Amino acid sequence: MNVHPSLISILVLLLVVGCQQQSVDQPAPAAGNASHAHEHGHDHAHTGPHGGHILELGREDYHAEWTHKDQSSEIVVHLLDADIKQDVSTTAELIMISTTIRGEQQTYELAADNQDESDPPRATRFTIISPSLLTALKQVGAGVQADISVIIDGKMFRGSFEKHEHDH
């Protein structure tokens, strides 16, 4: 079979344009719509209810949303439900973020900063001021790995930070 080179070029071009158009033009899945690639009701690339970056805890049991302030190097982590809509509280006083850079591991403790007056106190938000942690989190995916761990209702949940676009 003898195929003309320009025909091959046109077919390749159509294939590339078609794939790009499909990925760009697809509407964002609505909450509760299980038809997108992750097969659950949300997209991890979107911004969380507090304006931050989302990461999965466990197997979609919970989520964490992290925000940061560049000027003060403050990092805030909010605990969220499986649908990324409601804050979730825990009796934990600390959550841990571990970073690995060139084989060196560093662990950071974020303290609960909005504990209520229940017995024992519960919190949904944890903070730390740390220029080194903020720098590491901004470099996740470029030689840096970062993980979070928190105890919710007596069970340990872990999640991994993913590379994100720094657009704010």
C-alpha atoms as a PDB file:
ATOM      1  CA  MET A   1       0.000   0.000   0.000  1.00  0.00           C
ATOM      2  CA  ASN A   2       1.458   3.306  -1.110  1.00  0.00           C
ATOM      3  CA  VAL A   3       0.202   6.309   0.918  1.00  0.00           C
ATOM      4  CA  HIS A   4       1.062   9.841  -0.109  1.00  0.00           C
ATOM      5  CA  PRO A   5       3.110  11.706   2.592  1.00  0.00           C
ATOM      6  CA  SER A   6       0.767  14.732   2.557  1.00  0.00           C
ATOM      7  CA  LEU A   7      -2.187  12.464   3.380  1.00  0.00           C
ATOM      8  CA  ILE A   8      -0.317  11.124   6.404  1.00  0.00           C
ATOM      9  CA  SER A   9       0.469  14.692   7.498  1.00  0.00           C
ATOM     10  CA  ILE A  10      -3.193  15.707   7.230  1.00  0.00           C
ATOM     11  CA  LEU A  11      -4.327  12.677   9.233  1.00  0.00           C
ATOM     12  CA  VAL A  12      -1.772  13.379  11.973  1.00  0.00           C
ATOM     13  CA  LEU A  13      -2.813  17.044  12.062  1.00  0.00           C
ATOM     14  CA  LEU A  14      -6.504  16.101  12.385  1.00  0.00           C
ATOM     15  CA  LEU A  15      -5.704  13.650  15.148  1.00  0.00           C
ATOM     16  CA  VAL A  16      -3.667  16.217  17.112  1.00  0.00           C
ATOM     17  CA  VAL A  17      -6.220  19.008  16.672  1.00  0.00           C
ATOM     18  CA  GLY A  18      -9.069  16.675  17.554  1.00  0.00           C
ATOM     19  CA  CYS A  19      -7.385  15.540  20.776  1.00  0.00           C
ATOM     20  CA  GLN A  20      -6.513  19.084  21.787  1.00  0.00           C
ATOM     21  CA  GLN A  21     -10.004  20.336  21.013  1.00  0.00           C
ATOM     22  CA  GLN A  22     -11.583  17.535  23.021  1.00  0.00           C
ATOM     23  CA  SER A  23      -9.512  18.289  26.109  1.00  0.00           C
ATOM     24  CA  VAL A  24     -10.039  22.053  25.887  1.00  0.00           C
ATOM     25  CA  ASP A  25     -13.733  22.145  24.975  1.00  0.00           C
ATOM     26  CA  GLN A  26     -15.049  19.625  27.491  1.00  0.00           C
ATOM     27  CA  PRO A  27     -17.227  21.333  30.106  1.00  0.00           C
ATOM     28  CA  ALA A  28     -16.260  20.944  33.725  1.00  0.00           C
ATOM     29  CA  PRO A  29     -18.218  18.124  35.347  1.00  0.00           C
ATOM     30  CA  ALA A  30     -21.036  19.168  37.625  1.00  0.00           C
ATOM     31  CA  ALA A  31     -20.869  18.161  41.274  1.00  0.00           C
ATOM     32  CA  GLY A  32     -22.200  14.673  41.667  1.00  0.00           C
ATOM     33  CA  ASN A  33     -21.578  13.814  38.012  1.00  0.00           C
ATOM     34  CA  ALA A  34     -19.596  10.600  37.948  1.00  0.00           C
ATOM     35  CA  SER A  35     -18.769  10.747  34.253  1.00  0.00           C
ATOM     36  CA  HIS A  36     -15.369  12.447  34.329  1.00  0.00           C
ATOM     37  CA  ALA A  37     -11.997  10.733  34.411  1.00  0.00           C
ATOM     38  CA  HIS A  38     -11.748  10.289  38.199  1.00  0.00           C
ATOM     39  CA  GLU A  39     -15.222   8.727  38.338  1.00  0.00           C
ATOM     40  CA  HIS A  40     -16.308  10.706  41.365  1.00  0.00           C
ATOM     41  CA  GLY A  41     -18.230  13.923  41.805  1.00  0.00           C
ATOM     42  CA  HIS A  42     -15.461  16.520  41.637  1.00  0.00           C
ATOM     43  CA  ASP A  43     -12.301  17.591  39.887  1.00  0.00           C
ATOM     44  CA  HIS A  44      -9.143  17.919  41.988  1.00  0.00           C
ATOM     45  CA  ALA A  45      -7.796  20.677  39.746  1.00  0.00           C
ATOM     46  CA  HIS A  46     -10.421  23.175  40.842  1.00  0.00           C
ATOM     47  CA  THR A  47     -10.135  25.679  43.633  1.00  0.00           C
ATOM     48  CA  GLY A  48     -11.566  24.737  47.013  1.00  0.00           C
ATOM     49  CA  PRO A  49     -14.202  26.652  49.002  1.00  0.00           C
ATOM     50  CA  HIS A  50     -11.470  28.666  50.752  1.00  0.00           C
ATOM     51  CA  GLY A  51      -9.713  29.553  47.474  1.00  0.00           C
ATOM     52  CA  GLY A  52      -6.938  26.988  47.847  1.00  0.00           C
ATOM     53  CA  HIS A  53      -5.496  23.839  46.305  1.00  0.00           C
ATOM     54  CA  ILE A  54      -7.222  20.487  46.925  1.00  0.00           C
ATOM     55  CA  LEU A  55      -5.666  17.153  47.817  1.00  0.00           C
ATOM     56  CA  GLU A  56      -7.258  13.813  48.560  1.00  0.00           C
ATOM     57  CA  LEU A  57      -7.092  12.226  52.020  1.00  0.00           C
ATOM     58  CA  GLY A  58      -7.467   8.471  52.081  1.00  0.00           C
ATOM     59  CA  ARG A  59      -9.575   7.089  49.270  1.00  0.00           C
ATOM     60  CA  GLU A  60     -11.779  10.137  48.776  1.00  0.00           C
ATOM     61  CA  ASP A  61     -12.895   9.872  52.413  1.00  0.00           C
ATOM     62  CA  TYR A  62     -11.884  13.478  53.071  1.00  0.00           C
ATOM     63  CA  HIS A  63      -9.919  16.248  51.405  1.00  0.00           C
ATOM     64  CA  ALA A  64      -7.507  18.916  52.525  1.00  0.00           C
ATOM     65  CA  GLU A  65      -7.379  22.377  51.028  1.00  0.00           C
ATOM     66  CA  TRP A  66      -4.240  24.431  51.431  1.00  0.00           C
ATOM     67  CA  THR A  67      -3.804  28.142  50.985  1.00  0.00           C
ATOM     68  CA  HIS A  68      -0.773  30.339  51.464  1.00  0.00           C
ATOM     69  CA  LYS A  69       0.293  33.936  51.844  1.00  0.00           C
ATOM     70  CA  ASP A  70       3.596  34.642  50.132  1.00  0.00           C
ATOM     71  CA  GLN A  71       4.395  37.764  52.189  1.00  0.00           C
ATOM     72  CA  SER A  72       4.169  36.050  55.584  1.00  0.00           C
ATOM     73  CA  SER A  73       4.895  32.431  54.474  1.00  0.00           C
ATOM     74  CA  GLU A  74       1.709  31.394  56.274  1.00  0.00           C
ATOM     75  CA  ILE A  75       0.207  28.084  55.168  1.00  0.00           C
ATOM     76  CA  VAL A  76      -3.345  27.178  56.171  1.00  0.00           C
ATOM     77  CA  VAL A  77      -4.858  23.705  55.740  1.00  0.00           C
ATOM     78  CA  HIS A  78      -8.635  23.242  55.915  1.00  0.00           C
ATOM     79  CA  LEU A  79     -10.135  19.767  56.347  1.00  0.00           C
ATOM     80  CA  LEU A  80     -13.061  19.081  54.008  1.00  0.00           C
ATOM     81  CA  ASP A  81     -15.623  16.375  53.403  1.00  0.00           C
ATOM     82  CA  ALA A  82     -15.618  13.902  50.505  1.00  0.00           C
ATOM     83  CA  ASP A  83     -17.561  16.341  48.296  1.00  0.00           C
ATOM     84  CA  ILE A  84     -15.169  19.261  48.966  1.00  0.00           C
ATOM     85  CA  LYS A  85     -18.045  21.391  50.211  1.00  0.00           C
ATOM     86  CA  GLN A  86     -18.139  21.328  54.023  1.00  0.00           C
ATOM     87  CA  ASP A  87     -15.438  21.743  56.646  1.00  0.00           C
ATOM     88  CA  VAL A  88     -14.720  18.617  58.700  1.00  0.00           C
ATOM     89  CA  SER A  89     -13.554  18.803  62.301  1.00  0.00           C
ATOM     90  CA  THR A  90     -11.096  16.655  64.203  1.00  0.00           C
ATOM     91  CA  THR A  91      -9.891  16.414  67.787  1.00  0.00           C
ATOM     92  CA  ALA A  92      -6.299  16.354  66.500  1.00  0.00           C
ATOM     93  CA  GLU A  93      -4.260  19.292  67.745  1.00  0.00           C
ATOM     94  CA  LEU A  94      -1.693  18.925  64.954  1.00  0.00           C
ATOM     95  CA  ILE A  95      -1.444  17.729  61.392  1.00  0.00           C
ATOM     96  CA  MET A  96       1.854  16.791  59.800  1.00  0.00           C
ATOM     97  CA  ILE A  97       3.311  17.657  56.417  1.00  0.00           C
ATOM     98  CA  SER A  98       6.434  15.754  55.368  1.00  0.00           C
ATOM     99  CA  THR A  99       8.611  16.872  52.494  1.00  0.00           C
ATOM    100  CA  THR A 100      11.319  14.933  50.709  1.00  0.00           C
ATOM    101  CA  ILE A 101      13.934  16.872  48.770  1.00  0.00           C
ATOM    102  CA  ARG A 102      16.926  14.970  47.318  1.00  0.00           C
ATOM    103  CA  GLY A 103      16.380  12.149  49.793  1.00  0.00           C
ATOM    104  CA  GLU A 104      16.227  14.491  52.810  1.00  0.00           C
ATOM    105  CA  GLN A 105      12.966  14.305  54.729  1.00  0.00           C
ATOM    106  CA  GLN A 106      11.637  17.180  56.819  1.00  0.00           C
ATOM    107  CA  THR A 107       8.461  17.091  58.931  1.00  0.00           C
ATOM    108  CA  TYR A 108       6.389  20.162  59.765  1.00  0.00           C
ATOM    109  CA  GLU A 109       3.648  20.405  62.400  1.00  0.00           C
ATOM    110  CA  LEU A 110       0.640  22.592  61.697  1.00  0.00           C
ATOM    111  CA  ALA A 111      -1.301  23.579  64.814  1.00  0.00           C
ATOM    112  CA  ALA A 112      -5.071  23.738  65.097  1.00  0.00           C
ATOM    113  CA  ASP A 113      -6.024  27.401  65.094  1.00  0.00           C
ATOM    114  CA  ASN A 114      -9.824  27.379  65.341  1.00  0.00           C
ATOM    115  CA  GLN A 115     -10.600  24.896  68.103  1.00  0.00           C
ATOM    116  CA  ASP A 116     -14.125  25.077  69.434  1.00  0.00           C
ATOM    117  CA  GLU A 117     -15.140  24.722  73.069  1.00  0.00           C
ATOM    118  CA  SER A 118     -16.362  21.122  72.888  1.00  0.00           C
ATOM    119  CA  ASP A 119     -14.768  18.454  75.065  1.00  0.00           C
ATOM    120  CA  PRO A 120     -12.391  17.477  73.576  1.00  0.00           C
ATOM    121  CA  PRO A 121     -11.949  20.570  71.405  1.00  0.00           C
ATOM    122  CA  ARG A 122     -12.364  20.115  67.653  1.00  0.00           C
ATOM    123  CA  ALA A 123     -10.788  22.077  64.794  1.00  0.00           C
ATOM    124  CA  THR A 124     -11.147  22.325  61.008  1.00  0.00           C
ATOM    125  CA  ARG A 125      -8.171  24.576  60.239  1.00  0.00           C
ATOM    126  CA  PHE A 126      -4.421  24.233  60.874  1.00  0.00           C
ATOM    127  CA  THR A 127      -1.649  26.774  60.299  1.00  0.00           C
ATOM    128  CA  ILE A 128       2.096  27.232  60.202  1.00  0.00           C
ATOM    129  CA  ILE A 129       4.392  30.070  59.238  1.00  0.00           C
ATOM    130  CA  SER A 130       7.322  28.489  57.430  1.00  0.00           C
ATOM    131  CA  PRO A 131       9.226  29.911  54.456  1.00  0.00           C
ATOM    132  CA  SER A 132      10.967  26.553  53.893  1.00  0.00           C
ATOM    133  CA  LEU A 133       7.704  24.581  53.789  1.00  0.00           C
ATOM    134  CA  LEU A 134       6.072  27.110  51.472  1.00  0.00           C
ATOM    135  CA  THR A 135       9.050  26.928  49.117  1.00  0.00           C
ATOM    136  CA  ALA A 136       8.922  23.123  49.134  1.00  0.00           C
ATOM    137  CA  LEU A 137       5.164  23.004  48.459  1.00  0.00           C
ATOM    138  CA  LYS A 138       5.548  25.362  45.515  1.00  0.00           C
ATOM    139  CA  GLN A 139       8.180  22.991  44.062  1.00  0.00           C
ATOM    140  CA  VAL A 140       6.195  19.752  44.396  1.00  0.00           C
ATOM    141  CA  GLY A 141       6.612  17.782  41.195  1.00  0.00           C
ATOM    142  CA  ALA A 142       9.962  19.404  40.422  1.00  0.00           C
ATOM    143  CA  GLY A 143      12.116  17.160  42.597  1.00  0.00           C
ATOM    144  CA  VAL A 144      10.043  17.679  45.744  1.00  0.00           C
ATOM    145  CA  GLN A 145       7.525  15.279  47.238  1.00  0.00           C
ATOM    146  CA  ALA A 146       5.156  16.330  50.025  1.00  0.00           C
ATOM    147  CA  ASP A 147       2.615  14.350  52.026  1.00  0.00           C
ATOM    148  CA  ILE A 148       0.092  15.252  54.692  1.00  0.00           C
ATOM    149  CA  SER A 149      -1.233  13.112  57.541  1.00  0.00           C
ATOM    150  CA  VAL A 150      -4.087  13.795  59.930  1.00  0.00           C
ATOM    151  CA  ILE A 151      -6.227  11.815  62.345  1.00  0.00           C
ATOM    152  CA  ILE A 152      -9.981  12.226  61.827  1.00  0.00           C
ATOM    153  CA  ASP A 153     -12.397  10.335  64.070  1.00  0.00           C
ATOM    154  CA  GLY A 154      -9.568   8.159  65.384  1.00  0.00           C
ATOM    155  CA  LYS A 155      -8.331   7.066  61.955  1.00  0.00           C
ATOM    156  CA  MET A 156      -5.120   8.170  60.208  1.00  0.00           C
ATOM    157  CA  PHE A 157      -5.569   9.678  56.740  1.00  0.00           C
ATOM    158  CA  ARG A 158      -2.749  10.509  54.353  1.00  0.00           C
ATOM    159  CA  GLY A 159      -2.553  12.418  51.111  1.00  0.00           C
ATOM    160  CA  SER A 160       0.035  13.633  48.634  1.00  0.00           C
ATOM    161  CA  PHE A 161       0.476  17.148  47.340  1.00  0.00           C
ATOM    162  CA  GLU A 162       0.390  17.510  43.571  1.00  0.00           C
ATOM    163  CA  LYS A 163       2.064  20.013  41.308  1.00  0.00           C
ATOM    164  CA  HIS A 164      -0.146  23.054  40.801  1.00  0.00           C
ATOM    165  CA  GLU A 165      -0.079  26.147  38.682  1.00  0.00           C
ATOM    166  CA  HIS A 166       0.846  29.158  40.783  1.00  0.00           C
ATOM    167  CA  ASP A 167      -1.639  31.677  39.470  1.00  0.00           C
ATOM    168  CA  HIS A 168      -2.293  33.932  42.432  1.00  0.00           C
END
